[in-house]
Protein backbone atom coordinates (compact mmCIF):
# COMPACT_ATOMS: atom_id res chain seq x y z
CA MET A 1 105.64 1.24 -81.78
CA ALA A 2 105.39 5.41 -82.77
CA LYS A 3 108.27 6.99 -82.64
CA ARG A 4 109.05 9.42 -79.91
CA LYS A 5 110.23 12.98 -80.20
CA PRO A 6 113.34 14.20 -79.86
CA LYS A 7 113.73 16.48 -76.72
CA ILE A 8 114.10 20.04 -78.24
CA TYR A 9 116.21 22.51 -75.24
CA ARG A 10 116.13 26.22 -75.75
CA LYS A 11 120.02 26.49 -76.12
CA THR A 12 121.73 23.74 -74.18
CA ILE A 13 121.75 20.22 -73.27
CA PRO A 14 122.81 18.46 -69.65
CA LEU A 15 126.03 16.96 -70.88
CA ASN A 16 128.98 14.96 -68.89
CA THR A 17 132.13 15.66 -71.05
CA LYS A 18 133.76 13.84 -68.27
CA LYS A 19 132.45 10.81 -69.69
CA LEU A 20 133.18 11.58 -73.41
CA GLY A 21 136.33 9.54 -74.85
CA LYS A 22 136.94 7.87 -78.11
CA ASN A 23 133.52 5.90 -78.50
CA ILE A 24 131.30 7.58 -81.00
CA ALA A 25 128.34 6.39 -79.32
CA ASP A 26 129.18 8.33 -75.81
CA TYR A 27 128.29 11.81 -77.90
CA PRO A 28 124.59 13.04 -78.98
CA PHE A 29 124.11 13.63 -82.32
CA VAL A 30 122.22 17.11 -82.66
CA GLU A 31 120.34 19.49 -84.66
CA ILE A 32 121.30 23.15 -83.74
CA HIS A 33 119.22 26.31 -84.79
CA TRP A 34 121.17 29.44 -84.73
CA LEU A 35 120.78 32.93 -86.14
CA ASP A 36 123.74 34.23 -88.37
CA ILE A 37 125.23 37.56 -88.79
CA GLU A 38 124.24 38.75 -92.39
CA GLY A 39 125.28 42.50 -94.21
CA ASP A 40 124.57 43.88 -97.47
CA ALA A 41 127.45 46.45 -99.11
CA GLY A 42 124.76 47.61 -101.86
CA TRP A 43 122.90 50.75 -101.51
CA SER A 44 119.87 50.27 -100.12
CA ASP A 45 117.39 52.53 -97.54
CA THR A 46 116.04 52.69 -93.90
CA LYS A 47 112.96 51.01 -94.63
CA ALA A 48 114.20 48.24 -96.10
CA LEU A 49 117.19 47.52 -93.20
CA LEU A 50 114.15 47.53 -90.57
CA LYS A 51 112.16 44.32 -92.83
CA SER A 52 115.78 42.25 -92.90
CA ASN A 53 115.50 39.04 -90.50
CA LEU A 54 118.38 37.48 -89.28
CA PRO A 55 118.96 34.21 -91.20
CA THR A 56 118.19 31.08 -89.53
CA CYS A 57 121.13 28.33 -89.91
CA VAL A 58 120.55 24.30 -89.12
CA SER A 59 123.98 22.80 -88.23
CA LYS A 60 124.27 18.80 -87.48
CA GLY A 61 126.70 16.47 -85.61
CA TYR A 62 128.30 15.23 -82.71
CA LEU A 63 128.03 17.35 -79.46
CA VAL A 64 131.67 17.75 -78.08
CA SER A 65 130.70 20.40 -75.61
CA GLN A 66 129.11 23.72 -74.45
CA LYS A 67 131.64 25.28 -72.42
CA GLY A 68 132.17 29.34 -72.02
CA GLY A 69 129.50 30.72 -74.13
CA VAL A 70 130.50 28.14 -77.28
CA THR A 71 129.19 25.13 -78.32
CA ARG A 72 131.00 22.75 -80.02
CA ILE A 73 130.52 19.92 -82.65
CA PHE A 74 131.71 17.75 -85.72
CA THR A 75 129.99 15.83 -87.91
CA ASP A 76 133.45 13.43 -89.54
CA TYR A 77 135.46 10.84 -87.63
CA ILE A 78 137.82 8.36 -88.36
CA LYS A 79 137.30 4.95 -86.93
CA SER A 80 139.89 3.12 -85.18
CA LYS A 81 141.07 0.07 -87.18
CA THR A 82 141.52 -2.03 -84.48
CA ASP A 83 138.22 -1.43 -82.45
CA GLU A 84 134.79 0.09 -82.16
CA THR A 85 136.42 3.65 -81.01
CA PHE A 86 137.25 6.85 -83.33
CA GLU A 87 141.27 8.55 -84.04
CA ASN A 88 140.22 11.59 -85.51
CA ILE A 89 137.32 14.13 -85.86
CA GLY A 90 136.93 16.50 -89.19
CA ASN A 91 134.24 19.37 -90.46
CA THR A 92 134.26 21.10 -86.79
CA THR A 93 131.91 23.90 -86.09
CA ILE A 94 132.01 26.12 -83.29
CA ILE A 95 128.95 28.58 -82.65
CA PRO A 96 128.73 31.33 -80.17
CA THR A 97 125.69 29.72 -77.54
CA SER A 98 124.20 33.21 -77.59
CA VAL A 99 122.67 32.98 -81.13
CA ILE A 100 121.55 29.41 -80.58
CA GLN A 101 117.60 29.34 -81.17
CA SER A 102 117.03 25.84 -80.29
CA ILE A 103 118.82 23.03 -79.69
CA LYS A 104 117.70 19.10 -79.64
CA VAL A 105 119.24 15.49 -79.66
CA ILE A 106 118.40 13.36 -83.07
CA HIS A 107 120.19 10.19 -81.60
């Protein structure tokens, strides 16, 4: 059976945040390509500056929300000792949705 390609969204993924709880399977695991700011405090000229491009960053994690122009993900969680849920999250990232170039669900 051929592996299905993940659907790539331009900036946002439809997500019902009301259904999200403590079950990790409810959170889509996504890959986000986004543009970052780059600066240089050294001496240069305008020709070099005009040739400069923004770096594209790649972040992967569990999508929590995309509200108010902000995309929120986390990469780590602590499993509950008693059932198949999680208690706490770690390695959170907040990305302005306006700088996202693409977002796709990995699983």
